[in-house]
N, C-alpha and C. Protein backbone atom coordinates (compact mmCIF):
# COMPACT_ATOMS: atom_id res chain seq x y z
N MET A 1 26.45 -35.00 -101.32
CA MET A 1 25.54 -34.66 -100.25
C MET A 1 24.12 -35.05 -100.65
N ARG A 2 23.39 -35.60 -99.70
CA ARG A 2 21.98 -35.96 -99.90
C ARG A 2 21.15 -35.10 -98.96
N ILE A 3 20.08 -34.52 -99.51
CA ILE A 3 19.23 -33.61 -98.73
C ILE A 3 17.79 -34.09 -98.77
N ALA A 4 17.18 -34.21 -97.59
CA ALA A 4 15.76 -34.51 -97.47
C ALA A 4 14.98 -33.21 -97.60
N LEU A 5 13.92 -33.21 -98.38
CA LEU A 5 13.07 -32.05 -98.57
C LEU A 5 11.64 -32.35 -98.09
N ALA A 6 11.00 -31.36 -97.52
CA ALA A 6 9.60 -31.50 -97.15
C ALA A 6 8.95 -30.14 -97.10
N SER A 7 7.65 -30.14 -97.35
CA SER A 7 6.87 -28.91 -97.23
C SER A 7 5.44 -29.27 -96.87
N ASP A 8 4.72 -28.26 -96.45
CA ASP A 8 3.26 -28.37 -96.41
C ASP A 8 2.76 -27.64 -97.66
N HIS A 9 1.46 -27.45 -97.76
CA HIS A 9 0.88 -26.80 -98.94
C HIS A 9 1.37 -25.36 -99.08
N ALA A 10 1.60 -24.66 -97.97
CA ALA A 10 2.05 -23.26 -98.03
C ALA A 10 3.48 -23.14 -98.53
N GLY A 11 4.26 -24.20 -98.38
CA GLY A 11 5.64 -24.17 -98.81
C GLY A 11 5.92 -24.93 -100.09
N TYR A 12 4.88 -25.53 -100.67
CA TYR A 12 5.08 -26.40 -101.82
C TYR A 12 5.77 -25.69 -103.00
N GLY A 13 5.29 -24.54 -103.39
CA GLY A 13 5.86 -23.82 -104.54
C GLY A 13 7.33 -23.50 -104.33
N LEU A 14 7.68 -23.06 -103.14
CA LEU A 14 9.08 -22.75 -102.85
C LEU A 14 9.91 -24.02 -102.84
N LYS A 15 9.35 -25.11 -102.32
CA LYS A 15 10.08 -26.39 -102.30
C LYS A 15 10.42 -26.83 -103.72
N VAL A 16 9.51 -26.64 -104.65
CA VAL A 16 9.77 -27.01 -106.05
C VAL A 16 10.97 -26.22 -106.57
N GLU A 17 11.02 -24.93 -106.28
CA GLU A 17 12.13 -24.09 -106.74
C GLU A 17 13.45 -24.48 -106.07
N VAL A 18 13.40 -24.80 -104.78
CA VAL A 18 14.61 -25.24 -104.07
C VAL A 18 15.10 -26.56 -104.64
N ALA A 19 14.18 -27.47 -104.94
CA ALA A 19 14.57 -28.76 -105.52
C ALA A 19 15.26 -28.57 -106.87
N LYS A 20 14.74 -27.68 -107.70
CA LYS A 20 15.37 -27.39 -109.00
C LYS A 20 16.77 -26.82 -108.79
N PHE A 21 16.90 -25.91 -107.85
CA PHE A 21 18.19 -25.28 -107.53
C PHE A 21 19.20 -26.34 -107.11
N LEU A 22 18.79 -27.23 -106.22
CA LEU A 22 19.69 -28.28 -105.73
C LEU A 22 20.07 -29.24 -106.86
N ALA A 23 19.11 -29.60 -107.67
CA ALA A 23 19.39 -30.50 -108.80
C ALA A 23 20.41 -29.86 -109.75
N GLY A 24 20.28 -28.57 -109.96
CA GLY A 24 21.23 -27.84 -110.80
C GLY A 24 22.63 -27.83 -110.24
N ARG A 25 22.77 -28.04 -108.97
CA ARG A 25 24.08 -28.12 -108.31
C ARG A 25 24.55 -29.56 -108.15
N GLY A 26 23.79 -30.50 -108.71
CA GLY A 26 24.16 -31.92 -108.63
C GLY A 26 23.92 -32.54 -107.26
N ILE A 27 23.04 -31.95 -106.48
CA ILE A 27 22.75 -32.47 -105.14
C ILE A 27 21.53 -33.37 -105.20
N GLU A 28 21.70 -34.58 -104.67
CA GLU A 28 20.62 -35.55 -104.64
C GLU A 28 19.62 -35.19 -103.54
N THR A 29 18.34 -35.28 -103.86
CA THR A 29 17.30 -34.97 -102.87
C THR A 29 16.26 -36.08 -102.86
N LYS A 30 15.53 -36.15 -101.77
CA LYS A 30 14.33 -36.98 -101.69
C LYS A 30 13.22 -36.08 -101.13
N ASP A 31 12.08 -36.10 -101.79
CA ASP A 31 10.93 -35.28 -101.41
C ASP A 31 10.01 -36.11 -100.51
N PHE A 32 9.80 -35.65 -99.29
CA PHE A 32 8.94 -36.33 -98.33
C PHE A 32 7.53 -35.74 -98.32
N GLY A 33 7.18 -34.94 -99.32
CA GLY A 33 5.86 -34.35 -99.43
C GLY A 33 5.91 -32.89 -99.05
N SER A 34 4.92 -32.18 -99.35
CA SER A 34 3.64 -32.52 -99.93
C SER A 34 3.70 -32.52 -101.46
N ALA A 35 2.60 -32.99 -102.04
CA ALA A 35 2.47 -32.98 -103.50
C ALA A 35 1.64 -31.76 -103.92
N ALA A 36 1.69 -31.47 -105.20
CA ALA A 36 0.93 -30.35 -105.75
C ALA A 36 -0.55 -30.49 -105.43
N GLY A 37 -1.15 -29.43 -104.91
CA GLY A 37 -2.57 -29.42 -104.64
C GLY A 37 -2.99 -30.18 -103.39
N GLU A 38 -2.05 -30.74 -102.67
CA GLU A 38 -2.34 -31.53 -101.48
C GLU A 38 -2.24 -30.66 -100.23
N THR A 39 -3.26 -30.67 -99.40
CA THR A 39 -3.22 -29.97 -98.13
C THR A 39 -2.79 -30.96 -97.06
N VAL A 40 -1.70 -30.63 -96.36
CA VAL A 40 -1.16 -31.54 -95.34
C VAL A 40 -0.79 -30.73 -94.09
N ASP A 41 -0.63 -31.44 -93.01
CA ASP A 41 -0.10 -30.84 -91.79
C ASP A 41 1.41 -30.85 -91.88
N TYR A 42 2.03 -29.70 -91.67
CA TYR A 42 3.50 -29.61 -91.77
C TYR A 42 4.17 -30.58 -90.81
N VAL A 43 3.52 -30.90 -89.73
CA VAL A 43 4.11 -31.82 -88.75
C VAL A 43 4.42 -33.17 -89.40
N ASP A 44 3.53 -33.66 -90.23
CA ASP A 44 3.70 -34.99 -90.82
C ASP A 44 4.85 -35.03 -91.83
N THR A 45 4.88 -34.08 -92.76
CA THR A 45 5.96 -34.12 -93.76
C THR A 45 7.28 -33.72 -93.15
N GLY A 46 7.26 -32.73 -92.25
CA GLY A 46 8.48 -32.29 -91.59
C GLY A 46 9.10 -33.40 -90.76
N ALA A 47 8.26 -34.12 -90.01
CA ALA A 47 8.77 -35.22 -89.17
C ALA A 47 9.34 -36.34 -90.03
N ALA A 48 8.74 -36.59 -91.17
CA ALA A 48 9.27 -37.66 -92.05
C ALA A 48 10.67 -37.30 -92.54
N ALA A 49 10.84 -36.08 -93.03
CA ALA A 49 12.15 -35.67 -93.55
C ALA A 49 13.18 -35.52 -92.44
N ALA A 50 12.80 -34.84 -91.35
CA ALA A 50 13.74 -34.66 -90.24
C ALA A 50 14.07 -36.00 -89.58
N GLY A 51 13.12 -36.91 -89.56
CA GLY A 51 13.38 -38.24 -89.03
C GLY A 51 14.43 -38.98 -89.85
N ALA A 52 14.36 -38.86 -91.16
CA ALA A 52 15.35 -39.49 -92.03
C ALA A 52 16.72 -38.86 -91.80
N LEU A 53 16.76 -37.56 -91.55
CA LEU A 53 18.02 -36.90 -91.21
C LEU A 53 18.53 -37.43 -89.87
N SER A 54 17.66 -37.51 -88.90
CA SER A 54 18.03 -38.00 -87.57
C SER A 54 18.59 -39.42 -87.62
N ARG A 55 18.06 -40.24 -88.48
CA ARG A 55 18.51 -41.62 -88.61
C ARG A 55 19.81 -41.75 -89.44
N GLY A 56 20.30 -40.64 -89.97
CA GLY A 56 21.54 -40.67 -90.74
C GLY A 56 21.36 -41.03 -92.20
N GLU A 57 20.15 -41.03 -92.69
CA GLU A 57 19.89 -41.37 -94.09
C GLU A 57 20.24 -40.21 -95.03
N PHE A 58 20.33 -39.00 -94.48
CA PHE A 58 20.65 -37.80 -95.24
C PHE A 58 21.63 -36.97 -94.43
N GLU A 59 22.42 -36.17 -95.12
CA GLU A 59 23.37 -35.28 -94.44
C GLU A 59 22.70 -34.00 -93.96
N ARG A 60 21.68 -33.58 -94.69
CA ARG A 60 20.97 -32.35 -94.35
C ARG A 60 19.50 -32.46 -94.78
N ALA A 61 18.72 -31.49 -94.29
CA ALA A 61 17.30 -31.42 -94.69
C ALA A 61 16.91 -29.96 -94.86
N ILE A 62 15.94 -29.73 -95.71
CA ILE A 62 15.33 -28.42 -95.88
C ILE A 62 13.83 -28.60 -95.77
N LEU A 63 13.23 -27.89 -94.81
CA LEU A 63 11.81 -28.00 -94.52
C LEU A 63 11.15 -26.64 -94.74
N ILE A 64 10.01 -26.64 -95.43
CA ILE A 64 9.37 -25.38 -95.80
C ILE A 64 7.88 -25.43 -95.48
N CYS A 65 7.44 -24.48 -94.68
CA CYS A 65 6.02 -24.30 -94.40
C CYS A 65 5.68 -22.84 -94.70
N GLY A 66 4.64 -22.32 -94.11
CA GLY A 66 4.27 -20.92 -94.39
C GLY A 66 5.32 -19.93 -93.93
N THR A 67 5.84 -20.13 -92.72
CA THR A 67 6.83 -19.20 -92.16
C THR A 67 8.19 -19.83 -91.89
N GLY A 68 8.25 -21.14 -91.82
CA GLY A 68 9.47 -21.85 -91.42
C GLY A 68 9.50 -22.11 -89.93
N ILE A 69 8.62 -21.46 -89.18
CA ILE A 69 8.63 -21.61 -87.73
C ILE A 69 8.11 -22.99 -87.30
N GLY A 70 6.97 -23.39 -87.83
CA GLY A 70 6.41 -24.69 -87.48
C GLY A 70 7.36 -25.82 -87.83
N MET A 71 7.96 -25.74 -89.00
CA MET A 71 8.91 -26.79 -89.41
C MET A 71 10.13 -26.79 -88.50
N ALA A 72 10.57 -25.62 -88.02
CA ALA A 72 11.70 -25.56 -87.09
C ALA A 72 11.35 -26.26 -85.79
N VAL A 73 10.14 -26.03 -85.30
CA VAL A 73 9.70 -26.67 -84.05
C VAL A 73 9.70 -28.19 -84.24
N VAL A 74 9.15 -28.65 -85.34
CA VAL A 74 9.10 -30.10 -85.62
C VAL A 74 10.51 -30.67 -85.74
N GLY A 75 11.34 -30.06 -86.57
CA GLY A 75 12.69 -30.58 -86.79
C GLY A 75 13.49 -30.68 -85.52
N ASN A 76 13.37 -29.68 -84.66
CA ASN A 76 14.15 -29.66 -83.43
C ASN A 76 13.67 -30.65 -82.38
N LYS A 77 12.55 -31.32 -82.62
CA LYS A 77 12.07 -32.38 -81.73
C LYS A 77 12.81 -33.69 -81.95
N LEU A 78 13.51 -33.81 -83.07
CA LEU A 78 14.14 -35.08 -83.43
C LEU A 78 15.62 -35.07 -83.08
N ARG A 79 16.07 -36.16 -82.53
CA ARG A 79 17.45 -36.31 -82.05
C ARG A 79 18.46 -35.96 -83.14
N GLY A 80 19.38 -35.07 -82.78
CA GLY A 80 20.48 -34.72 -83.67
C GLY A 80 20.16 -33.67 -84.72
N VAL A 81 18.92 -33.22 -84.76
CA VAL A 81 18.53 -32.25 -85.78
C VAL A 81 18.64 -30.84 -85.16
N ARG A 82 19.34 -29.98 -85.89
CA ARG A 82 19.47 -28.57 -85.50
C ARG A 82 18.87 -27.75 -86.63
N ALA A 83 17.64 -27.26 -86.40
CA ALA A 83 16.81 -26.70 -87.47
C ALA A 83 16.40 -25.27 -87.19
N PRO A 84 17.23 -24.30 -87.54
CA PRO A 84 16.83 -22.91 -87.35
C PRO A 84 15.97 -22.39 -88.50
N PRO A 85 15.00 -21.53 -88.19
CA PRO A 85 14.35 -20.81 -89.28
C PRO A 85 15.29 -19.68 -89.69
N CYS A 86 15.70 -19.65 -90.92
CA CYS A 86 16.64 -18.62 -91.38
C CYS A 86 15.88 -17.59 -92.20
N TRP A 87 15.95 -16.35 -91.73
CA TRP A 87 15.19 -15.27 -92.35
C TRP A 87 15.96 -14.57 -93.46
N ASN A 88 17.29 -14.71 -93.46
CA ASN A 88 18.11 -13.99 -94.43
C ASN A 88 19.47 -14.67 -94.53
N ILE A 89 20.33 -14.11 -95.36
CA ILE A 89 21.66 -14.69 -95.57
C ILE A 89 22.46 -14.70 -94.27
N PHE A 90 22.36 -13.64 -93.49
CA PHE A 90 23.13 -13.57 -92.25
C PHE A 90 22.75 -14.71 -91.29
N THR A 91 21.44 -14.93 -91.10
CA THR A 91 21.05 -16.00 -90.18
C THR A 91 21.42 -17.37 -90.72
N ALA A 92 21.37 -17.56 -92.03
CA ALA A 92 21.80 -18.84 -92.61
C ALA A 92 23.29 -19.05 -92.39
N ASP A 93 24.07 -18.02 -92.62
CA ASP A 93 25.52 -18.09 -92.44
C ASP A 93 25.86 -18.41 -90.98
N MET A 94 25.26 -17.70 -90.06
CA MET A 94 25.57 -17.91 -88.65
C MET A 94 25.08 -19.27 -88.16
N SER A 95 23.95 -19.74 -88.70
CA SER A 95 23.44 -21.05 -88.28
C SER A 95 24.42 -22.16 -88.63
N ARG A 96 25.15 -21.98 -89.70
CA ARG A 96 26.16 -22.97 -90.09
C ARG A 96 27.45 -22.73 -89.31
N ARG A 97 27.95 -21.50 -89.29
CA ARG A 97 29.24 -21.20 -88.64
C ARG A 97 29.25 -21.52 -87.16
N HIS A 98 28.20 -21.15 -86.47
CA HIS A 98 28.20 -21.27 -85.01
C HIS A 98 27.38 -22.43 -84.46
N ASN A 99 26.37 -22.88 -85.22
CA ASN A 99 25.46 -23.92 -84.70
C ASN A 99 25.54 -25.23 -85.45
N ASP A 100 26.34 -25.28 -86.53
CA ASP A 100 26.45 -26.48 -87.36
C ASP A 100 25.07 -27.01 -87.73
N SER A 101 24.17 -26.09 -88.12
CA SER A 101 22.81 -26.51 -88.46
C SER A 101 22.85 -27.53 -89.60
N ASN A 102 22.00 -28.52 -89.48
CA ASN A 102 21.92 -29.55 -90.51
C ASN A 102 20.53 -29.60 -91.15
N CYS A 103 19.67 -28.72 -90.72
CA CYS A 103 18.31 -28.65 -91.24
C CYS A 103 17.91 -27.17 -91.36
N LEU A 104 17.64 -26.73 -92.55
CA LEU A 104 17.25 -25.36 -92.82
C LEU A 104 15.74 -25.29 -92.92
N THR A 105 15.12 -24.31 -92.28
CA THR A 105 13.69 -24.12 -92.46
C THR A 105 13.43 -22.75 -93.08
N LEU A 106 12.49 -22.73 -94.00
CA LEU A 106 12.14 -21.54 -94.76
C LEU A 106 10.63 -21.37 -94.79
N GLY A 107 10.19 -20.18 -95.15
CA GLY A 107 8.76 -19.88 -95.26
C GLY A 107 8.34 -19.58 -96.67
N GLY A 108 7.38 -20.33 -97.15
CA GLY A 108 6.84 -20.10 -98.48
C GLY A 108 6.07 -18.79 -98.56
N ARG A 109 5.60 -18.29 -97.43
CA ARG A 109 4.86 -17.02 -97.39
C ARG A 109 5.73 -15.85 -96.95
N THR A 110 6.95 -16.13 -96.51
CA THR A 110 7.80 -15.07 -95.97
C THR A 110 9.07 -14.83 -96.77
N HIS A 111 9.39 -15.73 -97.69
CA HIS A 111 10.60 -15.60 -98.51
C HIS A 111 10.23 -15.54 -99.98
N SER A 112 10.85 -14.63 -100.70
CA SER A 112 10.74 -14.68 -102.16
C SER A 112 11.60 -15.84 -102.63
N VAL A 113 11.35 -16.31 -103.83
CA VAL A 113 12.19 -17.40 -104.37
C VAL A 113 13.63 -16.94 -104.44
N GLU A 114 13.87 -15.75 -104.91
CA GLU A 114 15.23 -15.23 -105.03
C GLU A 114 15.95 -15.20 -103.68
N ASP A 115 15.28 -14.68 -102.66
CA ASP A 115 15.89 -14.63 -101.33
C ASP A 115 16.11 -16.03 -100.77
N ALA A 116 15.12 -16.91 -100.94
CA ALA A 116 15.26 -18.27 -100.41
C ALA A 116 16.42 -19.01 -101.05
N LEU A 117 16.59 -18.87 -102.34
CA LEU A 117 17.69 -19.56 -103.01
C LEU A 117 19.04 -19.00 -102.59
N ALA A 118 19.11 -17.71 -102.34
CA ALA A 118 20.34 -17.11 -101.82
C ALA A 118 20.65 -17.66 -100.43
N ILE A 119 19.63 -17.83 -99.61
CA ILE A 119 19.80 -18.40 -98.28
C ILE A 119 20.27 -19.84 -98.38
N VAL A 120 19.66 -20.61 -99.24
CA VAL A 120 20.05 -22.02 -99.42
C VAL A 120 21.51 -22.10 -99.88
N ARG A 121 21.89 -21.26 -100.82
CA ARG A 121 23.27 -21.27 -101.32
C ARG A 121 24.25 -21.01 -100.18
N VAL A 122 24.01 -19.99 -99.40
CA VAL A 122 24.90 -19.66 -98.28
C VAL A 122 24.92 -20.80 -97.27
N TRP A 123 23.77 -21.34 -96.96
CA TRP A 123 23.67 -22.43 -95.99
C TRP A 123 24.45 -23.67 -96.46
N LEU A 124 24.41 -23.93 -97.74
CA LEU A 124 25.15 -25.07 -98.28
C LEU A 124 26.66 -24.84 -98.27
N GLU A 125 27.07 -23.63 -98.55
CA GLU A 125 28.49 -23.34 -98.77
C GLU A 125 29.24 -22.94 -97.49
N THR A 126 28.55 -22.61 -96.44
CA THR A 126 29.20 -22.11 -95.23
C THR A 126 29.64 -23.26 -94.34
N PRO A 127 30.91 -23.30 -93.97
CA PRO A 127 31.38 -24.38 -93.09
C PRO A 127 31.12 -24.06 -91.62
N PHE A 128 31.13 -25.11 -90.82
CA PHE A 128 31.06 -24.96 -89.37
C PHE A 128 32.45 -24.54 -88.90
N GLU A 129 32.51 -23.53 -88.05
CA GLU A 129 33.80 -23.00 -87.58
C GLU A 129 34.47 -23.89 -86.54
N GLY A 130 33.71 -24.68 -85.81
CA GLY A 130 34.31 -25.51 -84.77
C GLY A 130 34.80 -24.64 -83.63
N GLY A 131 35.95 -25.00 -83.05
CA GLY A 131 36.51 -24.22 -81.95
C GLY A 131 35.54 -24.12 -80.79
N ARG A 132 35.39 -22.92 -80.24
CA ARG A 132 34.50 -22.74 -79.10
C ARG A 132 33.06 -23.11 -79.43
N HIS A 133 32.70 -23.03 -80.70
CA HIS A 133 31.35 -23.38 -81.11
C HIS A 133 31.11 -24.89 -81.04
N ALA A 134 32.15 -25.68 -81.25
CA ALA A 134 32.02 -27.13 -81.16
C ALA A 134 31.63 -27.53 -79.74
N ARG A 135 32.20 -26.89 -78.75
CA ARG A 135 31.86 -27.17 -77.37
C ARG A 135 30.36 -26.91 -77.13
N ARG A 136 29.87 -25.85 -77.71
CA ARG A 136 28.45 -25.50 -77.54
C ARG A 136 27.54 -26.49 -78.27
N VAL A 137 27.93 -26.87 -79.48
CA VAL A 137 27.13 -27.85 -80.23
C VAL A 137 27.15 -29.20 -79.51
N ASP A 138 28.27 -29.55 -78.89
CA ASP A 138 28.32 -30.78 -78.08
C ASP A 138 27.33 -30.72 -76.93
N LYS A 139 27.19 -29.55 -76.33
CA LYS A 139 26.22 -29.39 -75.24
C LYS A 139 24.78 -29.53 -75.77
N ILE A 140 24.55 -29.03 -76.95
CA ILE A 140 23.23 -29.19 -77.58
C ILE A 140 22.97 -30.68 -77.83
N ARG A 141 23.97 -31.37 -78.37
CA ARG A 141 23.82 -32.82 -78.62
C ARG A 141 23.52 -33.56 -77.32
N ALA A 142 24.14 -33.17 -76.23
CA ALA A 142 23.91 -33.83 -74.95
C ALA A 142 22.46 -33.69 -74.50
N LEU A 143 21.81 -32.62 -74.91
CA LEU A 143 20.39 -32.42 -74.56
C LEU A 143 19.47 -33.43 -75.26
N ASP A 144 19.96 -34.06 -76.33
CA ASP A 144 19.15 -35.05 -77.03
C ASP A 144 18.72 -36.19 -76.12
N THR A 145 19.48 -36.47 -75.09
CA THR A 145 19.15 -37.58 -74.19
C THR A 145 18.56 -37.09 -72.87
N CYS A 146 18.31 -35.80 -72.78
CA CYS A 146 17.86 -35.19 -71.54
C CYS A 146 16.36 -34.94 -71.60
N ALA A 147 15.62 -35.50 -70.68
CA ALA A 147 14.17 -35.35 -70.70
C ALA A 147 13.70 -34.06 -70.03
N THR A 148 14.50 -33.51 -69.13
CA THR A 148 14.02 -32.36 -68.35
C THR A 148 14.76 -31.07 -68.64
N GLY A 149 15.85 -31.14 -69.39
CA GLY A 149 16.62 -29.95 -69.67
C GLY A 149 17.62 -29.61 -68.58
N LYS A 150 17.75 -30.46 -67.57
CA LYS A 150 18.69 -30.20 -66.46
C LYS A 150 19.95 -31.02 -66.61
């Protein structure tokens, strides 16, 4: 599995810890920014990583800003990206089981490192259930080509 990583300055420290965690599991990553001490707009780094996911260059992405909310908004603007902000293990688990999320968003100001790594672990290990949920995810995918939501 290849995972795209991105953060803004508020998520940088947590991104470093997530990258170490993933490396320890033998998961290849690419960091789309930010760098240490660099102040950036989350939109720019998030769009770069989520864009690479959208183009099929990565199987998943993890985006980290102050709360995870801004990165979720950015990620969900890109075709094929399903990017929930996951606040805890339960939301991470359900995002995979029911929504087949391929992009996890976290908050550097809202998650402890310990909690964030537990969320990442669950998100990585939880399979998509398919079944009735596949029908719903297909409907979400169909919205990728819909300009008005109708």
